[in-house]
N, C-alpha and C. Protein backbone atom coordinates (compact mmCIF):
# COMPACT_ATOMS: atom_id res chain seq x y z
N UNK A 1 13.74 -19.79 10.76
CA UNK A 1 12.52 -19.73 11.54
C UNK A 1 11.76 -21.04 11.33
N UNK A 2 11.16 -21.51 12.41
CA UNK A 2 10.42 -22.77 12.37
C UNK A 2 9.12 -22.58 13.14
N UNK A 3 8.03 -23.06 12.56
CA UNK A 3 6.72 -22.97 13.21
C UNK A 3 6.21 -24.38 13.44
N UNK A 4 5.86 -24.67 14.69
CA UNK A 4 5.26 -25.96 15.05
C UNK A 4 3.85 -25.70 15.56
N UNK A 5 2.92 -26.53 15.11
CA UNK A 5 1.55 -26.46 15.61
C UNK A 5 1.21 -27.80 16.23
N UNK A 6 0.83 -27.77 17.51
CA UNK A 6 0.47 -28.98 18.25
C UNK A 6 -1.05 -29.04 18.34
N UNK A 7 -1.63 -29.85 17.47
CA UNK A 7 -3.08 -29.92 17.34
C UNK A 7 -3.75 -30.38 18.63
N UNK A 8 -3.12 -31.31 19.37
CA UNK A 8 -3.74 -31.84 20.58
C UNK A 8 -3.92 -30.79 21.67
N UNK A 9 -3.06 -29.77 21.68
CA UNK A 9 -3.18 -28.70 22.69
C UNK A 9 -3.55 -27.36 22.06
N UNK A 10 -3.70 -27.31 20.74
CA UNK A 10 -4.02 -26.09 20.00
C UNK A 10 -3.00 -24.99 20.33
N UNK A 11 -1.71 -25.38 20.27
CA UNK A 11 -0.62 -24.48 20.61
C UNK A 11 0.29 -24.30 19.41
N UNK A 12 0.67 -23.04 19.14
CA UNK A 12 1.65 -22.74 18.09
C UNK A 12 2.95 -22.29 18.76
N UNK A 13 4.05 -22.83 18.30
CA UNK A 13 5.38 -22.45 18.77
C UNK A 13 6.16 -21.95 17.58
N UNK A 14 6.56 -20.68 17.63
CA UNK A 14 7.32 -20.06 16.55
C UNK A 14 8.73 -19.84 17.06
N UNK A 15 9.68 -20.54 16.44
CA UNK A 15 11.08 -20.46 16.86
C UNK A 15 11.84 -19.59 15.86
N UNK A 16 12.45 -18.52 16.37
CA UNK A 16 13.20 -17.59 15.53
C UNK A 16 14.69 -17.92 15.50
N UNK A 17 15.23 -18.42 16.60
CA UNK A 17 16.63 -18.83 16.68
C UNK A 17 16.71 -20.07 17.56
N UNK A 18 17.91 -20.62 17.64
CA UNK A 18 18.13 -21.78 18.51
C UNK A 18 18.95 -21.40 19.75
N UNK A 19 19.03 -20.10 20.03
CA UNK A 19 19.78 -19.65 21.21
C UNK A 19 19.13 -20.16 22.49
N UNK A 20 19.90 -20.20 23.55
CA UNK A 20 19.40 -20.66 24.85
C UNK A 20 18.39 -19.66 25.42
N UNK A 21 17.27 -20.18 25.88
CA UNK A 21 16.23 -19.36 26.52
C UNK A 21 16.60 -19.17 27.98
N UNK A 22 16.64 -17.90 28.42
CA UNK A 22 16.95 -17.62 29.82
C UNK A 22 15.78 -16.95 30.54
N UNK A 23 14.78 -16.51 29.78
CA UNK A 23 13.62 -15.86 30.40
C UNK A 23 12.40 -16.02 29.53
N UNK A 24 11.26 -16.25 30.16
CA UNK A 24 9.98 -16.28 29.46
C UNK A 24 9.10 -15.18 30.03
N UNK A 25 8.55 -14.38 29.14
CA UNK A 25 7.66 -13.29 29.56
C UNK A 25 6.25 -13.56 29.07
N UNK A 26 5.29 -13.38 29.96
CA UNK A 26 3.88 -13.53 29.60
C UNK A 26 3.39 -12.20 29.07
N UNK A 27 3.00 -12.18 27.80
CA UNK A 27 2.49 -10.97 27.17
C UNK A 27 1.00 -10.84 27.46
N UNK A 28 0.31 -11.96 27.41
CA UNK A 28 -1.11 -12.03 27.74
C UNK A 28 -1.38 -13.44 28.25
N UNK A 29 -2.62 -13.71 28.55
CA UNK A 29 -2.98 -15.03 29.08
C UNK A 29 -2.58 -16.17 28.15
N UNK A 30 -2.49 -15.90 26.85
CA UNK A 30 -2.23 -16.95 25.87
C UNK A 30 -0.98 -16.76 25.03
N UNK A 31 -0.19 -15.73 25.31
CA UNK A 31 1.00 -15.45 24.50
C UNK A 31 2.22 -15.30 25.41
N UNK A 32 3.28 -16.04 25.07
CA UNK A 32 4.52 -16.04 25.85
C UNK A 32 5.71 -15.81 24.93
N UNK A 33 6.65 -14.97 25.36
CA UNK A 33 7.87 -14.71 24.61
C UNK A 33 9.06 -15.29 25.36
N UNK A 34 9.91 -16.01 24.65
CA UNK A 34 11.13 -16.56 25.22
C UNK A 34 12.30 -15.71 24.74
N UNK A 35 13.15 -15.29 25.69
CA UNK A 35 14.26 -14.39 25.38
C UNK A 35 15.60 -15.03 25.71
N UNK A 36 16.64 -14.62 24.98
CA UNK A 36 17.99 -15.08 25.29
C UNK A 36 18.61 -14.16 26.35
N UNK A 37 19.85 -14.38 26.71
CA UNK A 37 20.49 -13.61 27.78
C UNK A 37 20.66 -12.14 27.44
N UNK A 38 20.59 -11.77 26.16
CA UNK A 38 20.70 -10.37 25.75
C UNK A 38 19.33 -9.70 25.59
N UNK A 39 18.26 -10.45 25.89
CA UNK A 39 16.92 -9.91 25.77
C UNK A 39 16.32 -10.01 24.38
N UNK A 40 16.99 -10.75 23.49
CA UNK A 40 16.49 -10.93 22.12
C UNK A 40 15.47 -12.07 22.06
N UNK A 41 14.52 -11.93 21.17
CA UNK A 41 13.47 -12.92 21.00
C UNK A 41 14.02 -14.22 20.44
N UNK A 42 13.74 -15.33 21.12
CA UNK A 42 14.13 -16.66 20.68
C UNK A 42 12.92 -17.38 20.10
N UNK A 43 11.80 -17.35 20.83
CA UNK A 43 10.60 -18.03 20.36
C UNK A 43 9.36 -17.39 20.98
N UNK A 44 8.22 -17.74 20.41
CA UNK A 44 6.94 -17.23 20.89
C UNK A 44 5.95 -18.39 20.91
N UNK A 45 5.20 -18.50 21.99
CA UNK A 45 4.18 -19.54 22.12
C UNK A 45 2.82 -18.87 22.14
N UNK A 46 1.88 -19.42 21.35
CA UNK A 46 0.51 -18.93 21.33
C UNK A 46 -0.39 -20.10 21.71
N UNK A 47 -1.01 -19.99 22.88
CA UNK A 47 -1.96 -20.99 23.34
C UNK A 47 -3.31 -20.73 22.67
N UNK A 48 -4.10 -21.77 22.47
CA UNK A 48 -5.41 -21.65 21.81
C UNK A 48 -5.24 -20.95 20.46
N UNK A 49 -4.26 -21.39 19.70
CA UNK A 49 -3.88 -20.75 18.45
C UNK A 49 -5.00 -20.77 17.41
N UNK A 50 -5.83 -21.78 17.44
CA UNK A 50 -6.96 -21.84 16.51
C UNK A 50 -7.91 -20.68 16.71
N UNK A 51 -8.14 -20.32 17.95
CA UNK A 51 -9.04 -19.21 18.27
C UNK A 51 -8.33 -17.87 18.18
N UNK A 52 -7.11 -17.78 18.74
CA UNK A 52 -6.43 -16.51 18.91
C UNK A 52 -5.56 -16.08 17.74
N UNK A 53 -5.09 -17.00 16.94
CA UNK A 53 -4.16 -16.65 15.87
C UNK A 53 -4.61 -17.14 14.50
N UNK A 54 -5.81 -17.68 14.40
CA UNK A 54 -6.35 -18.17 13.13
C UNK A 54 -5.34 -19.07 12.41
N UNK A 55 -4.77 -20.01 13.15
CA UNK A 55 -3.71 -20.88 12.63
C UNK A 55 -4.18 -21.72 11.43
N UNK A 56 -5.46 -21.96 11.31
CA UNK A 56 -5.95 -22.77 10.19
C UNK A 56 -5.83 -22.02 8.86
N UNK A 57 -5.65 -20.70 8.91
CA UNK A 57 -5.53 -19.89 7.70
C UNK A 57 -4.11 -19.35 7.57
N UNK A 58 -3.12 -20.13 7.98
CA UNK A 58 -1.73 -19.70 7.97
C UNK A 58 -1.16 -19.69 6.56
N UNK A 59 -0.40 -18.64 6.24
CA UNK A 59 0.32 -18.55 4.97
C UNK A 59 1.66 -17.87 5.22
N UNK A 60 2.65 -18.21 4.43
CA UNK A 60 3.96 -17.58 4.54
C UNK A 60 4.29 -16.94 3.21
N UNK A 61 4.75 -15.71 3.26
CA UNK A 61 5.14 -15.00 2.05
C UNK A 61 6.37 -14.18 2.35
N UNK A 62 7.41 -14.39 1.57
CA UNK A 62 8.63 -13.60 1.73
C UNK A 62 8.59 -12.48 0.70
N UNK A 63 8.70 -11.26 1.20
CA UNK A 63 8.61 -10.10 0.30
C UNK A 63 9.98 -9.51 0.05
N UNK A 64 10.22 -9.14 -1.18
CA UNK A 64 11.47 -8.49 -1.55
C UNK A 64 11.39 -7.01 -1.17
N UNK A 65 12.52 -6.41 -0.84
CA UNK A 65 12.53 -4.98 -0.52
C UNK A 65 12.03 -4.15 -1.69
N UNK A 66 11.33 -3.08 -1.38
CA UNK A 66 10.84 -2.17 -2.40
C UNK A 66 11.97 -1.22 -2.79
N UNK A 67 12.25 -1.12 -4.08
CA UNK A 67 13.32 -0.23 -4.55
C UNK A 67 12.80 1.19 -4.62
N UNK A 68 13.67 2.13 -4.37
CA UNK A 68 13.30 3.54 -4.45
C UNK A 68 13.45 4.06 -5.85
């Protein structure tokens, strides 16, 4: 997974895979999902990410599975 933030346009691009994008769906005015030919998520674009996704407070944490 790769996250790019374009400060000049306040846009966040989150790439989950490198598969070919065959369709883009608008979820809302500022959120777009890119799908591969099987309908799987390839990437997500968030416009106005500073306002809509609080990109300035971004953190990544990988959690281990909880054992039973």
